[in-house]
Amino acid sequence: MANLRKFLIRRLLTFIPTLIGVTLIVFLIAYVIPADVARAWAGGEKASQAYMEQIRRQYHLDEPWYDQYWFLISGLARNNIVDPRTSNYVFDDISERFPITFELALVAFFFILIIGIPLGIISALKRNTWVDTVIRFFALTGVSMPVFWLGYLLIYVFFVEVHWITLAGFPAPPEHQITHIPMIDALLTGDFDTLSQHIHRLWLPGFTLGFMGAGVLARFVRNSFLEAIGSDYVGFLKAKGVPKRGIYRHALKNAMVPIVTVLGLQFGGLLGGTPITETVFGLPGMGSYVIESIRNLDFPAVVAITMVFALIFLITNLVVDILYALIDPRVRY
């Protein structure tokens, strides 16, 4: 337990340089863009010179890049940076949109699990048969298909043709909030009507976002499960007369360590795919917010969302590392 505590402290300390590095790269990319940010924030060509000078002073745009970066990061840490586009504090805007993006990622992750793991196991058990070929073709299709193209295709089928979904607005959260994630709060408080509304709004965007991940996971589960089945201990279990179900259970448990790694990376990658998915399906989450911020040169919002995505990715990988010790007793920290 002491070793795990030391490991957690070391990993948490690495969060700081990682977040600094990620935000600094994004900031420098924004800094070198040849555009008059003050004029864009002030309203464009018709903006007055006095207002543009006020914006430059407010956001330290007339200072060296390192002073600008320090002003931005320290201000975001205290949540006193005002979004020049919305006139709200940046993290206030993000906190309103974060639950939608997180719900979308959860729904997509659910589809990845229920599609990728069973198909990967079936493909391994039916190796070199027509079933294996079909599943591998599905996995290749999932990896190759662009998210936006699949999204518009599914919108045409389920919205235009059969009218099973809606693309307008977003359901209200439940009356009683605990985690401030509406679907989780609705489940915890028994508000199944609100839960069904959120599922109805998010199931198709979630499937679209998770389709590629399901293909990747299916291929990875297949390979890991085949490697586990071919191990020496599986031959020993067969020699002892252990039933196939017991053998497969042991093999799957040993194959889970690399699979958990992929799942952790997949969850972090889902957040990176939300801008396209949210834009296609009209969801008012962080993804569509960052797209609008990029269009309007709203760099404080872009840096802040990058920081949030990076932090979630770091936390996800930390959880994955902890799960290693729970899955595989040989792993110690």
C-alpha atoms as a PDB file:
ATOM      1  CA  MET A   1       0.000   0.000   0.000  1.00  0.00           C
ATOM      2  CA  ALA A   2       2.880   2.358   0.789  1.00  0.00           C
ATOM      3  CA  ASN A   3       4.410   1.647  -2.606  1.00  0.00           C
ATOM      4  CA  LEU A   4       1.086   2.439  -4.298  1.00  0.00           C
ATOM      5  CA  ARG A   5       0.882   5.726  -2.405  1.00  0.00           C
ATOM      6  CA  LYS A   6       4.380   6.684  -3.544  1.00  0.00           C
ATOM      7  CA  PHE A   7       3.474   5.702  -7.094  1.00  0.00           C
ATOM      8  CA  LEU A   8       0.363   7.890  -7.023  1.00  0.00           C
ATOM      9  CA  ILE A   9       2.336  10.844  -5.691  1.00  0.00           C
ATOM     10  CA  ARG A  10       4.943  10.437  -8.450  1.00  0.00           C
ATOM     11  CA  ARG A  11       2.290  10.207 -11.130  1.00  0.00           C
ATOM     12  CA  LEU A  12       0.379  13.203  -9.814  1.00  0.00           C
ATOM     13  CA  LEU A  13       3.571  15.256  -9.822  1.00  0.00           C
ATOM     14  CA  THR A  14       4.069  14.414 -13.504  1.00  0.00           C
ATOM     15  CA  PHE A  15       0.680  15.969 -14.242  1.00  0.00           C
ATOM     16  CA  ILE A  16       2.103  19.473 -13.788  1.00  0.00           C
ATOM     17  CA  PRO A  17       4.865  19.422 -16.448  1.00  0.00           C
ATOM     18  CA  THR A  18       2.575  17.523 -18.818  1.00  0.00           C
ATOM     19  CA  LEU A  19      -0.196  20.107 -18.544  1.00  0.00           C
ATOM     20  CA  ILE A  20       2.331  22.931 -18.909  1.00  0.00           C
ATOM     21  CA  GLY A  21       3.814  21.310 -22.009  1.00  0.00           C
ATOM     22  CA  VAL A  22       0.450  20.680 -23.683  1.00  0.00           C
ATOM     23  CA  THR A  23      -0.946  24.147 -22.990  1.00  0.00           C
ATOM     24  CA  LEU A  24       2.339  25.810 -23.983  1.00  0.00           C
ATOM     25  CA  ILE A  25       2.354  24.074 -27.368  1.00  0.00           C
ATOM     26  CA  VAL A  26      -1.247  25.107 -28.051  1.00  0.00           C
ATOM     27  CA  PHE A  27      -0.541  28.657 -26.900  1.00  0.00           C
ATOM     28  CA  LEU A  28       2.536  29.003 -29.118  1.00  0.00           C
ATOM     29  CA  ILE A  29       0.627  27.725 -32.135  1.00  0.00           C
ATOM     30  CA  ALA A  30      -2.033  30.358 -31.457  1.00  0.00           C
ATOM     31  CA  TYR A  31       0.601  33.015 -30.826  1.00  0.00           C
ATOM     32  CA  VAL A  32       2.321  32.605 -34.199  1.00  0.00           C
ATOM     33  CA  ILE A  33      -0.933  32.776 -36.191  1.00  0.00           C
ATOM     34  CA  PRO A  34      -0.723  35.942 -38.308  1.00  0.00           C
ATOM     35  CA  ALA A  35      -3.975  37.527 -37.157  1.00  0.00           C
ATOM     36  CA  ASP A  36      -4.998  40.596 -35.188  1.00  0.00           C
ATOM     37  CA  VAL A  37      -6.629  38.878 -32.217  1.00  0.00           C
ATOM     38  CA  ALA A  38      -7.688  42.149 -30.589  1.00  0.00           C
ATOM     39  CA  ARG A  39      -9.530  43.249 -33.730  1.00  0.00           C
ATOM     40  CA  ALA A  40     -11.262  39.861 -34.026  1.00  0.00           C
ATOM     41  CA  TRP A  41     -12.387  39.984 -30.392  1.00  0.00           C
ATOM     42  CA  ALA A  42     -13.494  43.610 -30.709  1.00  0.00           C
ATOM     43  CA  GLY A  43     -15.868  42.850 -33.559  1.00  0.00           C
ATOM     44  CA  GLY A  44     -13.837  42.837 -36.763  1.00  0.00           C
ATOM     45  CA  GLU A  45     -13.173  45.594 -39.260  1.00  0.00           C
ATOM     46  CA  LYS A  46     -15.651  48.022 -37.687  1.00  0.00           C
ATOM     47  CA  ALA A  47     -14.056  47.829 -34.232  1.00  0.00           C
ATOM     48  CA  SER A  48     -12.854  51.109 -32.757  1.00  0.00           C
ATOM     49  CA  GLN A  49      -9.181  51.652 -32.060  1.00  0.00           C
ATOM     50  CA  ALA A  50      -9.892  52.558 -28.429  1.00  0.00           C
ATOM     51  CA  TYR A  51     -11.750  49.285 -27.813  1.00  0.00           C
ATOM     52  CA  MET A  52      -8.961  47.258 -29.404  1.00  0.00           C
ATOM     53  CA  GLU A  53      -6.395  48.963 -27.184  1.00  0.00           C
ATOM     54  CA  GLN A  54      -8.541  48.166 -24.153  1.00  0.00           C
ATOM     55  CA  ILE A  55      -8.618  44.480 -25.140  1.00  0.00           C
ATOM     56  CA  ARG A  56      -4.847  44.438 -25.643  1.00  0.00           C
ATOM     57  CA  ARG A  57      -4.324  45.843 -22.156  1.00  0.00           C
ATOM     58  CA  GLN A  58      -6.925  43.528 -20.583  1.00  0.00           C
ATOM     59  CA  TYR A  59      -5.422  40.358 -22.068  1.00  0.00           C
ATOM     60  CA  HIS A  60      -1.767  41.547 -22.029  1.00  0.00           C
ATOM     61  CA  LEU A  61      -1.542  41.179 -25.805  1.00  0.00           C
ATOM     62  CA  ASP A  62       1.062  43.932 -26.051  1.00  0.00           C
ATOM     63  CA  GLU A  63       3.494  42.040 -23.799  1.00  0.00           C
ATOM     64  CA  PRO A  64       6.031  39.273 -24.678  1.00  0.00           C
ATOM     65  CA  TRP A  65       4.680  35.797 -25.296  1.00  0.00           C
ATOM     66  CA  TYR A  66       5.900  34.379 -21.984  1.00  0.00           C
ATOM     67  CA  ASP A  67       4.085  37.125 -20.048  1.00  0.00           C
ATOM     68  CA  GLN A  68       0.951  36.434 -22.055  1.00  0.00           C
ATOM     69  CA  TYR A  69       1.239  32.726 -21.325  1.00  0.00           C
ATOM     70  CA  TRP A  70       1.730  33.283 -17.603  1.00  0.00           C
ATOM     71  CA  PHE A  71      -1.222  35.693 -17.491  1.00  0.00           C
ATOM     72  CA  LEU A  72      -3.427  33.169 -19.295  1.00  0.00           C
ATOM     73  CA  ILE A  73      -2.461  30.075 -17.285  1.00  0.00           C
ATOM     74  CA  SER A  74      -2.511  31.801 -13.900  1.00  0.00           C
ATOM     75  CA  GLY A  75      -5.834  33.410 -14.762  1.00  0.00           C
ATOM     76  CA  LEU A  76      -7.350  30.112 -15.870  1.00  0.00           C
ATOM     77  CA  ALA A  77      -6.131  28.477 -12.649  1.00  0.00           C
ATOM     78  CA  ARG A  78      -8.046  31.131 -10.678  1.00  0.00           C
ATOM     79  CA  ASN A  79     -10.940  31.189 -13.185  1.00  0.00           C
ATOM     80  CA  ASN A  80     -10.786  34.938 -13.669  1.00  0.00           C
ATOM     81  CA  ILE A  81     -10.165  34.935 -17.447  1.00  0.00           C
ATOM     82  CA  VAL A  82     -13.216  36.255 -19.272  1.00  0.00           C
ATOM     83  CA  ASP A  83     -14.047  34.677 -22.620  1.00  0.00           C
ATOM     84  CA  PRO A  84     -13.896  37.583 -25.118  1.00  0.00           C
ATOM     85  CA  ARG A  85     -16.587  35.915 -27.219  1.00  0.00           C
ATOM     86  CA  THR A  86     -19.211  35.119 -24.569  1.00  0.00           C
ATOM     87  CA  SER A  87     -18.225  37.604 -21.822  1.00  0.00           C
ATOM     88  CA  ASN A  88     -18.391  34.776 -19.269  1.00  0.00           C
ATOM     89  CA  TYR A  89     -15.561  33.273 -17.295  1.00  0.00           C
ATOM     90  CA  VAL A  90     -13.970  30.587 -19.473  1.00  0.00           C
ATOM     91  CA  PHE A  91     -14.345  27.734 -17.001  1.00  0.00           C
ATOM     92  CA  ASP A  92     -17.945  28.745 -16.309  1.00  0.00           C
ATOM     93  CA  ASP A  93     -18.691  28.174 -20.002  1.00  0.00           C
ATOM     94  CA  ILE A  94     -16.774  24.893 -19.936  1.00  0.00           C
ATOM     95  CA  SER A  95     -18.541  23.659 -16.789  1.00  0.00           C
ATOM     96  CA  GLU A  96     -21.897  24.147 -18.544  1.00  0.00           C
ATOM     97  CA  ARG A  97     -20.783  22.107 -21.546  1.00  0.00           C
ATOM     98  CA  PHE A  98     -18.628  19.469 -19.869  1.00  0.00           C
ATOM     99  CA  PRO A  99     -21.537  17.204 -18.740  1.00  0.00           C
ATOM    100  CA  ILE A 100     -22.782  16.895 -22.339  1.00  0.00           C
ATOM    101  CA  THR A 101     -19.363  15.930 -23.671  1.00  0.00           C
ATOM    102  CA  PHE A 102     -18.757  13.521 -20.797  1.00  0.00           C
ATOM    103  CA  GLU A 103     -22.148  11.872 -21.337  1.00  0.00           C
ATOM    104  CA  LEU A 104     -21.384  11.497 -25.032  1.00  0.00           C
ATOM    105  CA  ALA A 105     -18.038   9.890 -24.207  1.00  0.00           C
ATOM    106  CA  LEU A 106     -19.721   7.501 -21.745  1.00  0.00           C
ATOM    107  CA  VAL A 107     -22.321   6.413 -24.308  1.00  0.00           C
ATOM    108  CA  ALA A 108     -19.627   5.950 -26.957  1.00  0.00           C
ATOM    109  CA  PHE A 109     -17.502   3.967 -24.493  1.00  0.00           C
ATOM    110  CA  PHE A 110     -20.501   1.758 -23.738  1.00  0.00           C
ATOM    111  CA  PHE A 111     -20.878   0.951 -27.437  1.00  0.00           C
ATOM    112  CA  ILE A 112     -17.145   0.235 -27.692  1.00  0.00           C
ATOM    113  CA  LEU A 113     -17.419  -2.301 -24.856  1.00  0.00           C
ATOM    114  CA  ILE A 114     -20.587  -4.106 -25.938  1.00  0.00           C
ATOM    115  CA  ILE A 115     -19.466  -4.319 -29.586  1.00  0.00           C
ATOM    116  CA  GLY A 116     -15.686  -4.616 -29.459  1.00  0.00           C
ATOM    117  CA  ILE A 117     -15.152  -7.201 -26.703  1.00  0.00           C
ATOM    118  CA  PRO A 118     -17.761  -9.800 -27.823  1.00  0.00           C
ATOM    119  CA  LEU A 119     -16.765  -9.504 -31.475  1.00  0.00           C
ATOM    120  CA  GLY A 120     -13.078  -9.836 -30.587  1.00  0.00           C
ATOM    121  CA  ILE A 121     -13.698 -12.989 -28.544  1.00  0.00           C
ATOM    122  CA  ILE A 122     -15.932 -14.525 -31.229  1.00  0.00           C
ATOM    123  CA  SER A 123     -13.332 -13.725 -33.889  1.00  0.00           C
ATOM    124  CA  ALA A 124     -10.638 -15.466 -31.827  1.00  0.00           C
ATOM    125  CA  LEU A 125     -12.782 -18.532 -31.195  1.00  0.00           C
ATOM    126  CA  LYS A 126     -13.761 -18.722 -34.888  1.00  0.00           C
ATOM    127  CA  ARG A 127     -10.240 -18.068 -36.153  1.00  0.00           C
ATOM    128  CA  ASN A 128      -9.715 -18.430 -39.911  1.00  0.00           C
ATOM    129  CA  THR A 129     -13.417 -18.994 -40.604  1.00  0.00           C
ATOM    130  CA  TRP A 130     -15.879 -16.805 -42.501  1.00  0.00           C
ATOM    131  CA  VAL A 131     -17.049 -15.374 -39.162  1.00  0.00           C
ATOM    132  CA  ASP A 132     -13.507 -14.252 -38.378  1.00  0.00           C
ATOM    133  CA  THR A 133     -13.216 -12.707 -41.840  1.00  0.00           C
ATOM    134  CA  VAL A 134     -16.458 -10.744 -41.440  1.00  0.00           C
ATOM    135  CA  ILE A 135     -15.447  -9.423 -38.023  1.00  0.00           C
ATOM    136  CA  ARG A 136     -11.993  -8.413 -39.231  1.00  0.00           C
ATOM    137  CA  PHE A 137     -13.615  -6.620 -42.158  1.00  0.00           C
ATOM    138  CA  PHE A 138     -15.878  -4.804 -39.671  1.00  0.00           C
ATOM    139  CA  ALA A 139     -12.836  -3.806 -37.619  1.00  0.00           C
ATOM    140  CA  LEU A 140     -11.077  -2.487 -40.718  1.00  0.00           C
ATOM    141  CA  THR A 141     -14.211  -0.566 -41.696  1.00  0.00           C
ATOM    142  CA  GLY A 142     -14.475   0.962 -38.236  1.00  0.00           C
ATOM    143  CA  VAL A 143     -10.875   2.157 -38.308  1.00  0.00           C
ATOM    144  CA  SER A 144     -11.117   3.526 -41.858  1.00  0.00           C
ATOM    145  CA  MET A 145     -14.506   5.250 -41.864  1.00  0.00           C
ATOM    146  CA  PRO A 146     -14.472   9.024 -41.148  1.00  0.00           C
ATOM    147  CA  VAL A 147     -16.645  10.005 -38.188  1.00  0.00           C
ATOM    148  CA  PHE A 148     -18.373  12.870 -39.997  1.00  0.00           C
ATOM    149  CA  TRP A 149     -19.285  10.687 -42.992  1.00  0.00           C
ATOM    150  CA  LEU A 150     -20.762   7.972 -40.772  1.00  0.00           C
ATOM    151  CA  GLY A 151     -22.590  10.630 -38.759  1.00  0.00           C
ATOM    152  CA  TYR A 152     -24.279  12.189 -41.787  1.00  0.00           C
ATOM    153  CA  LEU A 153     -25.126   8.745 -43.160  1.00  0.00           C
ATOM    154  CA  LEU A 154     -26.808   7.719 -39.894  1.00  0.00           C
ATOM    155  CA  ILE A 155     -28.611  11.069 -39.671  1.00  0.00           C
ATOM    156  CA  TYR A 156     -30.062  10.458 -43.120  1.00  0.00           C
ATOM    157  CA  VAL A 157     -31.270   6.995 -42.113  1.00  0.00           C
ATOM    158  CA  PHE A 158     -32.540   7.605 -38.575  1.00  0.00           C
ATOM    159  CA  PHE A 159     -33.604  11.265 -38.806  1.00  0.00           C
ATOM    160  CA  VAL A 160     -34.656  11.857 -42.391  1.00  0.00           C
ATOM    161  CA  GLU A 161     -36.051   8.425 -43.275  1.00  0.00           C
ATOM    162  CA  VAL A 162     -37.340   6.696 -40.130  1.00  0.00           C
ATOM    163  CA  HIS A 163     -37.608   9.689 -37.724  1.00  0.00           C
ATOM    164  CA  TRP A 164     -36.201   7.844 -34.715  1.00  0.00           C
ATOM    165  CA  ILE A 165     -34.040  10.682 -33.406  1.00  0.00           C
ATOM    166  CA  THR A 166     -34.141  14.435 -32.865  1.00  0.00           C
ATOM    167  CA  LEU A 167     -31.365  16.925 -33.563  1.00  0.00           C
ATOM    168  CA  ALA A 168     -32.888  19.975 -31.878  1.00  0.00           C
ATOM    169  CA  GLY A 169     -31.861  21.102 -28.391  1.00  0.00           C
ATOM    170  CA  PHE A 170     -30.757  18.991 -25.482  1.00  0.00           C
ATOM    171  CA  PRO A 171     -32.787  17.503 -22.573  1.00  0.00           C
ATOM    172  CA  ALA A 172     -32.802  19.304 -19.233  1.00  0.00           C
ATOM    173  CA  PRO A 173     -30.887  17.769 -16.309  1.00  0.00           C
ATOM    174  CA  PRO A 174     -32.798  16.016 -13.492  1.00  0.00           C
ATOM    175  CA  GLU A 175     -34.225  18.106 -10.702  1.00  0.00           C
ATOM    176  CA  HIS A 176     -31.882  16.649  -8.073  1.00  0.00           C
ATOM    177  CA  GLN A 177     -28.200  16.728  -9.048  1.00  0.00           C
ATOM    178  CA  ILE A 178     -25.431  14.842  -7.286  1.00  0.00           C
ATOM    179  CA  THR A 179     -22.551  14.441  -9.735  1.00  0.00           C
ATOM    180  CA  HIS A 180     -23.805  17.102 -12.198  1.00  0.00           C
ATOM    181  CA  ILE A 181     -23.634  14.461 -14.949  1.00  0.00           C
ATOM    182  CA  PRO A 182     -27.346  14.266 -15.900  1.00  0.00           C
ATOM    183  CA  MET A 183     -27.470  10.601 -16.927  1.00  0.00           C
ATOM    184  CA  ILE A 184     -25.667   9.457 -13.776  1.00  0.00           C
ATOM    185  CA  ASP A 185     -27.789  11.717 -11.552  1.00  0.00           C
ATOM    186  CA  ALA A 186     -30.991  10.504 -13.211  1.00  0.00           C
ATOM    187  CA  LEU A 187     -29.915   6.901 -12.618  1.00  0.00           C
ATOM    188  CA  LEU A 188     -28.998   7.558  -8.975  1.00  0.00           C
ATOM    189  CA  THR A 189     -32.229   9.440  -8.206  1.00  0.00           C
ATOM    190  CA  GLY A 190     -34.509   7.085 -10.137  1.00  0.00           C
ATOM    191  CA  ASP A 191     -35.533   9.743 -12.679  1.00  0.00           C
ATOM    192  CA  PHE A 192     -35.839   7.273 -15.526  1.00  0.00           C
ATOM    193  CA  ASP A 193     -37.860   9.659 -17.709  1.00  0.00           C
ATOM    194  CA  THR A 194     -34.932  12.113 -17.838  1.00  0.00           C
ATOM    195  CA  LEU A 195     -32.535   9.205 -18.310  1.00  0.00           C
ATOM    196  CA  SER A 196     -34.493   7.951 -21.324  1.00  0.00           C
ATOM    197  CA  GLN A 197     -34.552  11.455 -22.836  1.00  0.00           C
ATOM    198  CA  HIS A 198     -30.767  11.746 -22.607  1.00  0.00           C
ATOM    199  CA  ILE A 199     -30.248   8.249 -23.994  1.00  0.00           C
ATOM    200  CA  HIS A 200     -32.631   9.025 -26.864  1.00  0.00           C
ATOM    201  CA  ARG A 201     -30.645  12.171 -27.706  1.00  0.00           C
ATOM    202  CA  LEU A 202     -27.177  10.625 -27.343  1.00  0.00           C
ATOM    203  CA  TRP A 203     -27.388   7.018 -28.516  1.00  0.00           C
ATOM    204  CA  LEU A 204     -26.784   7.757 -32.194  1.00  0.00           C
ATOM    205  CA  PRO A 205     -23.963  10.305 -31.660  1.00  0.00           C
ATOM    206  CA  GLY A 206     -22.465   7.875 -29.148  1.00  0.00           C
ATOM    207  CA  PHE A 207     -22.620   5.004 -31.617  1.00  0.00           C
ATOM    208  CA  THR A 208     -21.040   7.191 -34.311  1.00  0.00           C
ATOM    209  CA  LEU A 209     -18.225   8.255 -32.010  1.00  0.00           C
ATOM    210  CA  GLY A 210     -17.654   4.746 -30.665  1.00  0.00           C
ATOM    211  CA  PHE A 211     -17.831   2.872 -33.963  1.00  0.00           C
ATOM    212  CA  MET A 212     -14.160   3.373 -34.800  1.00  0.00           C
ATOM    213  CA  GLY A 213     -13.088   2.448 -31.263  1.00  0.00           C
ATOM    214  CA  ALA A 214     -15.190  -0.708 -31.385  1.00  0.00           C
ATOM    215  CA  GLY A 215     -13.347  -1.857 -34.493  1.00  0.00           C
ATOM    216  CA  VAL A 216      -9.959  -1.170 -32.916  1.00  0.00           C
ATOM    217  CA  LEU A 217     -10.933  -2.951 -29.700  1.00  0.00           C
ATOM    218  CA  ALA A 218     -12.342  -5.991 -31.537  1.00  0.00           C
ATOM    219  CA  ARG A 219      -9.071  -6.478 -33.398  1.00  0.00           C
ATOM    220  CA  PHE A 220      -7.018  -5.999 -30.249  1.00  0.00           C
ATOM    221  CA  VAL A 221      -9.178  -8.381 -28.164  1.00  0.00           C
ATOM    222  CA  ARG A 222      -8.879 -11.005 -30.888  1.00  0.00           C
ATOM    223  CA  ASN A 223      -5.098 -10.848 -30.958  1.00  0.00           C
ATOM    224  CA  SER A 224      -4.695 -10.742 -27.165  1.00  0.00           C
ATOM    225  CA  PHE A 225      -7.134 -13.619 -26.646  1.00  0.00           C
ATOM    226  CA  LEU A 226      -5.418 -15.750 -29.282  1.00  0.00           C
ATOM    227  CA  GLU A 227      -2.056 -15.098 -27.643  1.00  0.00           C
ATOM    228  CA  ALA A 228      -3.459 -16.104 -24.262  1.00  0.00           C
ATOM    229  CA  ILE A 229      -5.068 -19.267 -25.641  1.00  0.00           C
ATOM    230  CA  GLY A 230      -1.743 -20.276 -27.174  1.00  0.00           C
ATOM    231  CA  SER A 231       0.116 -20.001 -23.852  1.00  0.00           C
ATOM    232  CA  ASP A 232       1.638 -22.988 -22.047  1.00  0.00           C
ATOM    233  CA  TYR A 233      -0.701 -22.761 -19.063  1.00  0.00           C
ATOM    234  CA  VAL A 234      -3.708 -23.230 -21.379  1.00  0.00           C
ATOM    235  CA  GLY A 235      -2.196 -26.486 -22.616  1.00  0.00           C
ATOM    236  CA  PHE A 236      -1.710 -27.517 -18.984  1.00  0.00           C
ATOM    237  CA  LEU A 237      -5.365 -26.731 -18.200  1.00  0.00           C
ATOM    238  CA  LYS A 238      -6.495 -28.793 -21.207  1.00  0.00           C
ATOM    239  CA  ALA A 239      -4.330 -31.697 -20.032  1.00  0.00           C
ATOM    240  CA  LYS A 240      -6.014 -31.521 -16.618  1.00  0.00           C
ATOM    241  CA  GLY A 241      -9.421 -31.756 -18.282  1.00  0.00           C
ATOM    242  CA  VAL A 242     -10.613 -28.259 -17.356  1.00  0.00           C
ATOM    243  CA  PRO A 243     -13.802 -27.403 -19.304  1.00  0.00           C
ATOM    244  CA  LYS A 244     -13.514 -24.954 -22.182  1.00  0.00           C
ATOM    245  CA  ARG A 245     -15.503 -22.328 -20.318  1.00  0.00           C
ATOM    246  CA  GLY A 246     -13.000 -22.391 -17.452  1.00  0.00           C
ATOM    247  CA  ILE A 247     -10.056 -22.242 -19.858  1.00  0.00           C
ATOM    248  CA  TYR A 248     -11.546 -19.268 -21.689  1.00  0.00           C
ATOM    249  CA  ARG A 249     -12.205 -17.491 -18.393  1.00  0.00           C
ATOM    250  CA  HIS A 250      -8.556 -17.843 -17.345  1.00  0.00           C
ATOM    251  CA  ALA A 251      -7.315 -16.847 -20.807  1.00  0.00           C
ATOM    252  CA  LEU A 252      -9.522 -13.758 -20.935  1.00  0.00           C
ATOM    253  CA  LYS A 253      -8.332 -12.625 -17.513  1.00  0.00           C
ATOM    254  CA  ASN A 254      -4.695 -12.836 -18.629  1.00  0.00           C
ATOM    255  CA  ALA A 255      -5.540 -11.057 -21.879  1.00  0.00           C
ATOM    256  CA  MET A 256      -7.180  -8.161 -20.030  1.00  0.00           C
ATOM    257  CA  VAL A 257      -4.009  -6.212 -19.150  1.00  0.00           C
ATOM    258  CA  PRO A 258      -3.256  -5.024 -22.717  1.00  0.00           C
ATOM    259  CA  ILE A 259      -6.992  -4.648 -23.371  1.00  0.00           C
ATOM    260  CA  VAL A 260      -7.377  -2.300 -20.394  1.00  0.00           C
ATOM    261  CA  THR A 261      -4.516  -0.217 -21.800  1.00  0.00           C
ATOM    262  CA  VAL A 262      -6.345   0.147 -25.096  1.00  0.00           C
ATOM    263  CA  LEU A 263      -9.608   0.988 -23.322  1.00  0.00           C
ATOM    264  CA  GLY A 264      -7.896   3.757 -21.379  1.00  0.00           C
ATOM    265  CA  LEU A 265      -6.454   5.228 -24.551  1.00  0.00           C
ATOM    266  CA  GLN A 266      -9.823   4.846 -26.256  1.00  0.00           C
ATOM    267  CA  PHE A 267     -11.644   6.824 -23.565  1.00  0.00           C
ATOM    268  CA  GLY A 268      -9.118   9.644 -23.817  1.00  0.00           C
ATOM    269  CA  GLY A 269      -9.354   9.505 -27.590  1.00  0.00           C
ATOM    270  CA  LEU A 270     -13.143   9.780 -27.453  1.00  0.00           C
ATOM    271  CA  LEU A 271     -12.799  13.300 -26.072  1.00  0.00           C
ATOM    272  CA  GLY A 272     -10.620  14.210 -29.028  1.00  0.00           C
ATOM    273  CA  GLY A 273     -13.356  13.040 -31.385  1.00  0.00           C
ATOM    274  CA  THR A 274     -16.175  15.008 -29.779  1.00  0.00           C
ATOM    275  CA  PRO A 275     -15.659  18.271 -31.739  1.00  0.00           C
ATOM    276  CA  ILE A 276     -16.612  16.613 -35.043  1.00  0.00           C
ATOM    277  CA  THR A 277     -19.391  14.476 -33.571  1.00  0.00           C
ATOM    278  CA  GLU A 278     -20.944  17.322 -31.590  1.00  0.00           C
ATOM    279  CA  THR A 279     -20.834  19.607 -34.622  1.00  0.00           C
ATOM    280  CA  VAL A 280     -22.486  17.018 -36.869  1.00  0.00           C
ATOM    281  CA  PHE A 281     -25.267  16.218 -34.368  1.00  0.00           C
ATOM    282  CA  GLY A 282     -25.739  19.748 -33.013  1.00  0.00           C
ATOM    283  CA  LEU A 283     -24.738  18.983 -29.424  1.00  0.00           C
ATOM    284  CA  PRO A 284     -23.831  22.014 -27.254  1.00  0.00           C
ATOM    285  CA  GLY A 285     -20.819  20.374 -25.606  1.00  0.00           C
ATOM    286  CA  MET A 286     -17.143  21.233 -25.234  1.00  0.00           C
ATOM    287  CA  GLY A 287     -16.363  19.906 -28.704  1.00  0.00           C
ATOM    288  CA  SER A 288     -18.649  22.337 -30.544  1.00  0.00           C
ATOM    289  CA  TYR A 289     -17.520  25.058 -28.133  1.00  0.00           C
ATOM    290  CA  VAL A 290     -13.872  24.603 -29.082  1.00  0.00           C
ATOM    291  CA  ILE A 291     -14.759  24.585 -32.794  1.00  0.00           C
ATOM    292  CA  GLU A 292     -16.504  27.944 -32.416  1.00  0.00           C
ATOM    293  CA  SER A 293     -13.583  29.220 -30.342  1.00  0.00           C
ATOM    294  CA  ILE A 294     -11.098  28.299 -33.081  1.00  0.00           C
ATOM    295  CA  ARG A 295     -13.242  29.980 -35.710  1.00  0.00           C
ATOM    296  CA  ASN A 296     -13.326  33.194 -33.665  1.00  0.00           C
ATOM    297  CA  LEU A 297      -9.648  33.069 -32.573  1.00  0.00           C
ATOM    298  CA  ASP A 298     -10.853  32.612 -28.981  1.00  0.00           C
ATOM    299  CA  PHE A 299      -7.526  31.271 -27.747  1.00  0.00           C
ATOM    300  CA  PRO A 300      -8.236  31.455 -23.978  1.00  0.00           C
ATOM    301  CA  ALA A 301     -11.091  28.976 -24.485  1.00  0.00           C
ATOM    302  CA  VAL A 302      -8.989  26.737 -26.750  1.00  0.00           C
ATOM    303  CA  VAL A 303      -6.151  26.564 -24.206  1.00  0.00           C
ATOM    304  CA  ALA A 304      -8.600  25.928 -21.346  1.00  0.00           C
ATOM    305  CA  ILE A 305     -10.342  23.055 -23.149  1.00  0.00           C
ATOM    306  CA  THR A 306      -6.975  21.592 -24.119  1.00  0.00           C
ATOM    307  CA  MET A 307      -6.054  21.663 -20.451  1.00  0.00           C
ATOM    308  CA  VAL A 308      -9.286  19.867 -19.501  1.00  0.00           C
ATOM    309  CA  PHE A 309      -8.860  17.191 -22.195  1.00  0.00           C
ATOM    310  CA  ALA A 310      -5.238  16.631 -21.188  1.00  0.00           C
ATOM    311  CA  LEU A 311      -6.175  16.353 -17.511  1.00  0.00           C
ATOM    312  CA  ILE A 312      -8.886  13.791 -18.238  1.00  0.00           C
ATOM    313  CA  PHE A 313      -6.454  11.810 -20.381  1.00  0.00           C
ATOM    314  CA  LEU A 314      -3.865  11.830 -17.577  1.00  0.00           C
ATOM    315  CA  ILE A 315      -6.432  10.745 -14.969  1.00  0.00           C
ATOM    316  CA  THR A 316      -7.663   7.963 -17.255  1.00  0.00           C
ATOM    317  CA  ASN A 317      -4.149   6.615 -17.702  1.00  0.00           C
ATOM    318  CA  LEU A 318      -3.577   6.789 -13.949  1.00  0.00           C
ATOM    319  CA  VAL A 319      -6.730   4.738 -13.351  1.00  0.00           C
ATOM    320  CA  VAL A 320      -5.548   2.219 -15.958  1.00  0.00           C
ATOM    321  CA  ASP A 321      -2.216   1.838 -14.170  1.00  0.00           C
ATOM    322  CA  ILE A 322      -4.025   1.192 -10.883  1.00  0.00           C
ATOM    323  CA  LEU A 323      -6.273  -1.377 -12.557  1.00  0.00           C
ATOM    324  CA  TYR A 324      -3.190  -3.281 -13.675  1.00  0.00           C
ATOM    325  CA  ALA A 325      -2.475  -4.263 -10.071  1.00  0.00           C
ATOM    326  CA  LEU A 326      -6.081  -5.401  -9.585  1.00  0.00           C
ATOM    327  CA  ILE A 327      -6.140  -7.511 -12.752  1.00  0.00           C
ATOM    328  CA  ASP A 328      -2.634  -8.963 -12.613  1.00  0.00           C
ATOM    329  CA  PRO A 329      -1.288  -9.865  -9.127  1.00  0.00           C
ATOM    330  CA  ARG A 330       2.249  -9.865 -10.549  1.00  0.00           C
ATOM    331  CA  VAL A 331       2.084  -6.084 -11.038  1.00  0.00           C
ATOM    332  CA  ARG A 332       3.395  -4.196  -8.022  1.00  0.00           C
ATOM    333  CA  TYR A 333       4.181  -0.524  -7.470  1.00  0.00           C
END
